[in-house]
Amino acid sequence: MDRTTPVYSYTAAEKRARRTLFIRGFRQATADCLDPAVTRRIEEIDRSAAERGARELRALHDLLATARQDAATAKAKEKAAPRAERDAARQARKDAEQRVRLAERALARAER
C-alpha cells in the first residue's frame, strides 16, 4: 500500500521533547524570534518517527500476509484431514482465521 501521509510512531521521550519544543517554538513565534534549531529538532523527531512508523507498518503487512498463508494452509489441512482428526483441524483453522482478523484490525488501527 502506498500512503501519501506518513504513519508516525513516536516514543514517549519523543512525544515529551516534541511537546516542549512546540511550546518553545510557539512562544518564540509570538515574539517573532523563532530559533531555527527548534524547528530543525522537531523535523528530526518527525523524520525518525515516520521511519519507525513505516517499519512498523511493513511489519504489520508481513504479519497479515503470514497469517493469511497460515489460514489457507489450515483450511487445506482441514479438508484433507481424516475424520478422526477433523475436529482438531477445524479448531486449528478457526484459530488461524482469528489470527488473520487480529492482524487485520492491528493494521487498520495503524493506518488510521
Protein backbone atom coordinates (compact mmCIF):
# COMPACT_ATOMS: atom_id res chain seq x y z
CA MET A 1 0.00 0.00 0.00
CA ASP A 2 1.34 3.39 -0.97
CA ARG A 3 0.49 6.05 1.57
CA THR A 4 0.78 9.74 0.86
CA THR A 5 0.54 10.61 4.56
CA PRO A 6 3.29 9.02 6.65
CA VAL A 7 2.44 6.99 9.73
CA TYR A 8 4.20 8.41 12.79
CA SER A 9 5.24 6.24 15.71
CA TYR A 10 6.60 8.44 18.49
CA THR A 11 8.34 7.11 21.57
CA ALA A 12 7.32 8.58 24.92
CA ALA A 13 10.55 10.58 25.08
CA GLU A 14 9.97 11.94 21.58
CA LYS A 15 6.44 12.98 22.49
CA ARG A 16 7.72 14.89 25.51
CA ALA A 17 10.57 16.53 23.60
CA ARG A 18 8.32 17.47 20.69
CA ARG A 19 5.70 18.97 23.01
CA THR A 20 8.35 21.03 24.80
CA LEU A 21 9.88 22.20 21.53
CA PHE A 22 6.46 23.06 20.11
CA ILE A 23 5.65 25.22 23.12
CA ARG A 24 9.06 26.88 22.94
CA GLY A 25 8.61 27.49 19.21
CA PHE A 26 5.13 28.89 19.72
CA ARG A 27 6.40 31.35 22.31
CA GLN A 28 9.29 32.36 20.06
CA ALA A 29 6.94 32.76 17.09
CA THR A 30 4.68 35.09 19.05
CA ALA A 31 7.77 37.17 19.87
CA ASP A 32 8.83 36.94 16.19
CA CYS A 33 12.26 35.49 17.01
CA LEU A 34 11.97 31.80 16.09
CA ASP A 35 15.16 29.81 16.60
CA PRO A 36 15.80 27.55 13.58
CA ALA A 37 17.27 24.90 15.90
CA VAL A 38 13.82 24.34 17.42
CA THR A 39 12.25 23.76 14.01
CA ARG A 40 15.16 21.56 12.93
CA ARG A 41 14.88 19.37 16.06
CA ILE A 42 11.11 18.96 15.59
CA GLU A 43 11.72 17.91 11.98
CA GLU A 44 14.36 15.39 13.13
CA ILE A 45 11.93 13.88 15.63
CA ASP A 46 9.19 13.73 12.98
CA ARG A 47 11.55 12.11 10.49
CA SER A 48 12.63 9.37 12.91
CA ALA A 49 9.01 8.77 13.95
CA ALA A 50 7.96 8.49 10.29
CA GLU A 51 10.74 5.97 9.60
CA ARG A 52 9.73 3.93 12.65
CA GLY A 53 6.08 4.11 11.62
CA ALA A 54 6.91 2.88 8.11
CA ARG A 55 8.90 -0.05 9.53
CA GLU A 56 6.03 -0.97 11.86
CA LEU A 57 3.54 -0.74 9.00
CA ARG A 58 5.70 -3.03 6.83
CA ALA A 59 5.94 -5.48 9.73
CA LEU A 60 2.16 -5.47 10.13
CA HIS A 61 1.70 -6.12 6.40
CA ASP A 62 4.15 -9.03 6.65
CA LEU A 63 2.32 -10.36 9.71
CA LEU A 64 -1.00 -10.19 7.87
CA ALA A 65 0.42 -11.99 4.84
CA THR A 66 1.84 -14.73 7.06
CA ALA A 67 -1.44 -15.07 8.95
CA ARG A 68 -3.38 -15.37 5.68
CA GLN A 69 -0.98 -18.02 4.42
CA ASP A 70 -1.32 -19.94 7.69
CA ALA A 71 -5.13 -19.75 7.42
CA ALA A 72 -5.03 -21.10 3.87
CA THR A 73 -2.76 -23.93 4.96
CA ALA A 74 -5.02 -24.76 7.91
CA LYS A 75 -8.07 -24.78 5.62
CA ALA A 76 -6.34 -27.19 3.22
CA LYS A 77 -5.29 -29.43 6.11
CA GLU A 78 -8.87 -29.46 7.39
CA LYS A 79 -10.17 -30.57 4.00
CA ALA A 80 -7.54 -33.30 3.76
CA ALA A 81 -7.80 -34.49 7.37
CA PRO A 82 -9.20 -37.92 8.14
CA ARG A 83 -12.48 -37.96 10.03
CA ALA A 84 -10.80 -38.71 13.37
CA GLU A 85 -8.59 -35.62 13.13
CA ARG A 86 -11.12 -33.27 11.55
CA ASP A 87 -12.20 -31.61 14.83
CA ALA A 88 -8.63 -30.68 15.68
CA ALA A 89 -8.06 -29.44 12.12
CA ARG A 90 -11.26 -27.36 12.28
CA GLN A 91 -10.13 -25.77 15.54
CA ALA A 92 -6.70 -25.05 14.02
CA ARG A 93 -8.42 -23.36 11.04
CA LYS A 94 -10.60 -21.26 13.33
CA ASP A 95 -7.55 -20.20 15.34
CA ALA A 96 -5.71 -19.27 12.14
CA GLU A 97 -8.70 -17.24 10.92
CA GLN A 98 -8.81 -15.46 14.30
CA ARG A 99 -5.13 -14.52 13.90
CA VAL A 100 -5.96 -13.09 10.45
CA ARG A 101 -8.75 -10.95 11.94
CA LEU A 102 -6.46 -9.71 14.72
CA ALA A 103 -3.74 -8.82 12.21
CA GLU A 104 -6.28 -7.00 10.01
CA ARG A 105 -7.52 -4.97 12.99
CA ALA A 106 -3.98 -4.09 14.07
CA LEU A 107 -3.16 -2.95 10.54
CA ALA A 108 -6.35 -0.89 10.28
CA ARG A 109 -5.57 0.82 13.62
CA ALA A 110 -2.04 1.59 12.49
CA GLU A 111 -3.23 3.07 9.20
CA ARG A 112 -5.66 5.47 10.88
